[in-house]
């Protein structure tokens, strides 16, 4: 089944609605299959978006603590997908439910839960951004 298809998106939305109406607990939800990861995959990103742009969009659902925008090793240009980790795993549910299928600069985003691991040949991971909480002592 093509995760990006309109029919698939409608089925997922219907499943989410049915879970809400039935009062399905968090443990009974399909999201629970990913309760042990705070990472999401973001696909079909406009190529001109920066890490900062992506953070602006996705921070409305929680505090991102890591982002990895895939870039061509030779040109440095975006490949159109990224991995993002939230501080709180529950933020992934909000991001997946609200941003999968959202249109940004004419492109329909694909957002889904994922497990992220560094590839052996991935030297750029050390350059990935990690974010600390802002100091609220002011």
Protein backbone atom coordinates (compact mmCIF):
# COMPACT_ATOMS: atom_id res chain seq x y z
CA UNK A 1 0.00 0.00 0.00
CA UNK A 2 1.45 3.36 -1.01
CA UNK A 3 1.80 5.43 2.19
CA UNK A 4 1.57 8.65 0.19
CA UNK A 5 -1.71 7.90 -1.53
CA UNK A 6 -4.86 9.86 -0.80
CA UNK A 7 -6.75 6.63 -0.06
CA UNK A 8 -4.18 5.62 2.54
CA UNK A 9 -4.38 9.01 4.21
CA UNK A 10 -8.18 8.73 4.37
CA UNK A 11 -7.91 5.27 5.92
CA UNK A 12 -5.48 6.48 8.57
CA UNK A 13 -7.67 9.50 9.35
CA UNK A 14 -10.70 7.20 9.62
CA UNK A 15 -8.79 4.86 11.94
CA UNK A 16 -7.75 7.80 14.13
CA UNK A 17 -11.37 9.02 14.27
CA UNK A 18 -12.63 5.55 15.15
CA UNK A 19 -10.05 5.27 17.93
CA UNK A 20 -11.16 8.63 19.35
CA UNK A 21 -14.87 7.79 19.16
CA UNK A 22 -14.36 4.38 20.75
CA UNK A 23 -12.19 5.83 23.49
CA UNK A 24 -9.32 3.54 22.55
CA UNK A 25 -6.53 3.87 25.06
CA UNK A 26 -3.11 5.02 24.02
CA UNK A 27 -1.89 1.43 24.25
CA UNK A 28 -4.55 0.26 21.81
CA UNK A 29 -3.71 2.83 19.15
CA UNK A 30 -1.66 2.01 16.05
CA UNK A 31 0.71 4.76 17.24
CA UNK A 32 1.64 2.54 20.18
CA UNK A 33 3.69 0.36 17.82
CA UNK A 34 6.19 3.25 17.90
CA UNK A 35 5.96 4.14 21.59
CA UNK A 36 9.66 3.40 22.05
CA UNK A 37 10.91 5.94 19.50
CA UNK A 38 10.66 9.72 19.41
CA UNK A 39 11.81 9.93 15.78
CA UNK A 40 9.73 10.82 12.75
CA UNK A 41 10.51 10.61 9.05
CA UNK A 42 9.62 13.65 6.95
CA UNK A 43 9.49 13.08 3.21
CA UNK A 44 8.65 15.12 0.11
CA UNK A 45 10.16 18.25 1.61
CA UNK A 46 10.63 21.22 -0.69
CA UNK A 47 14.32 21.20 -1.61
CA UNK A 48 14.90 24.80 -0.58
CA UNK A 49 13.82 24.31 3.06
CA UNK A 50 16.55 24.55 5.68
CA UNK A 51 16.79 22.80 9.02
CA UNK A 52 15.49 26.00 10.61
CA UNK A 53 12.44 26.04 8.35
CA UNK A 54 11.64 22.45 9.23
CA UNK A 55 12.04 23.17 12.94
CA UNK A 56 9.67 26.11 12.63
CA UNK A 57 7.00 23.88 11.12
CA UNK A 58 7.43 20.90 13.44
CA UNK A 59 8.08 22.70 16.74
CA UNK A 60 4.38 23.55 17.00
CA UNK A 61 3.84 19.93 18.13
CA UNK A 62 6.69 19.61 20.60
CA UNK A 63 10.31 20.37 21.35
CA UNK A 64 12.64 18.98 18.66
CA UNK A 65 15.97 17.82 20.06
CA UNK A 66 17.57 16.50 16.86
CA UNK A 67 17.20 17.02 13.12
CA UNK A 68 18.99 15.39 10.23
CA UNK A 69 18.21 16.84 6.80
CA UNK A 70 19.58 14.46 4.17
CA UNK A 71 21.93 16.27 1.81
CA UNK A 72 23.91 15.25 -1.24
CA UNK A 73 27.48 14.68 -0.09
CA UNK A 74 28.96 16.36 -3.17
CA UNK A 75 26.66 19.35 -3.67
CA UNK A 76 25.26 19.84 -0.16
CA UNK A 77 21.77 20.19 -1.64
CA UNK A 78 18.78 18.78 0.20
CA UNK A 79 17.53 15.37 -0.87
CA UNK A 80 14.00 16.28 0.25
CA UNK A 81 13.73 14.19 3.39
CA UNK A 82 14.71 14.46 7.03
CA UNK A 83 14.61 12.72 10.38
CA UNK A 84 13.51 14.62 13.46
CA UNK A 85 13.50 13.58 17.11
CA UNK A 86 11.22 15.10 19.70
CA UNK A 87 11.97 15.44 23.39
CA UNK A 88 8.64 13.74 24.18
CA UNK A 89 7.52 10.72 22.15
CA UNK A 90 3.88 11.86 22.34
CA UNK A 91 4.80 14.80 20.11
CA UNK A 92 5.42 12.33 17.29
CA UNK A 93 1.74 11.35 17.38
CA UNK A 94 0.66 14.98 17.01
CA UNK A 95 3.12 15.61 14.18
CA UNK A 96 2.14 12.47 12.26
CA UNK A 97 -1.59 13.06 12.66
CA UNK A 98 -1.44 16.76 11.80
CA UNK A 99 1.33 17.13 9.23
CA UNK A 100 1.18 13.95 7.16
CA UNK A 101 -0.45 15.16 3.96
CA UNK A 102 0.08 18.86 4.69
CA UNK A 103 1.08 20.91 1.66
CA UNK A 104 4.21 23.07 2.05
CA UNK A 105 5.32 25.19 -0.90
CA UNK A 106 3.31 23.03 -3.27
CA UNK A 107 4.62 19.67 -2.00
CA UNK A 108 2.59 17.19 0.02
CA UNK A 109 4.57 16.13 3.09
CA UNK A 110 4.85 12.52 4.16
CA UNK A 111 5.28 12.28 7.91
CA UNK A 112 5.47 8.98 9.75
CA UNK A 113 6.89 7.33 12.84
CA UNK A 114 10.29 5.75 12.30
CA UNK A 115 13.31 4.22 13.91
CA UNK A 116 16.48 6.12 13.11
CA UNK A 117 19.96 4.74 13.13
CA UNK A 118 23.19 6.10 11.81
CA UNK A 119 24.42 4.47 8.61
CA UNK A 120 27.98 3.18 8.77
CA UNK A 121 29.06 5.47 5.93
CA UNK A 122 27.20 8.50 7.29
CA UNK A 123 29.86 10.98 8.29
CA UNK A 124 27.42 13.87 8.46
CA UNK A 125 25.67 12.65 11.62
CA UNK A 126 28.17 14.48 13.78
CA UNK A 127 27.17 17.69 12.02
CA UNK A 128 23.49 17.11 12.79
CA UNK A 129 21.98 19.70 15.05
CA UNK A 130 21.08 18.96 18.65
CA UNK A 131 19.05 21.45 20.61
CA UNK A 132 18.96 22.20 24.32
CA UNK A 133 15.94 23.51 26.14
CA UNK A 134 15.91 27.29 26.45
CA UNK A 135 16.88 28.65 29.85
CA UNK A 136 13.63 29.75 31.52
CA UNK A 137 15.27 31.38 34.54
CA UNK A 138 14.86 34.91 33.20
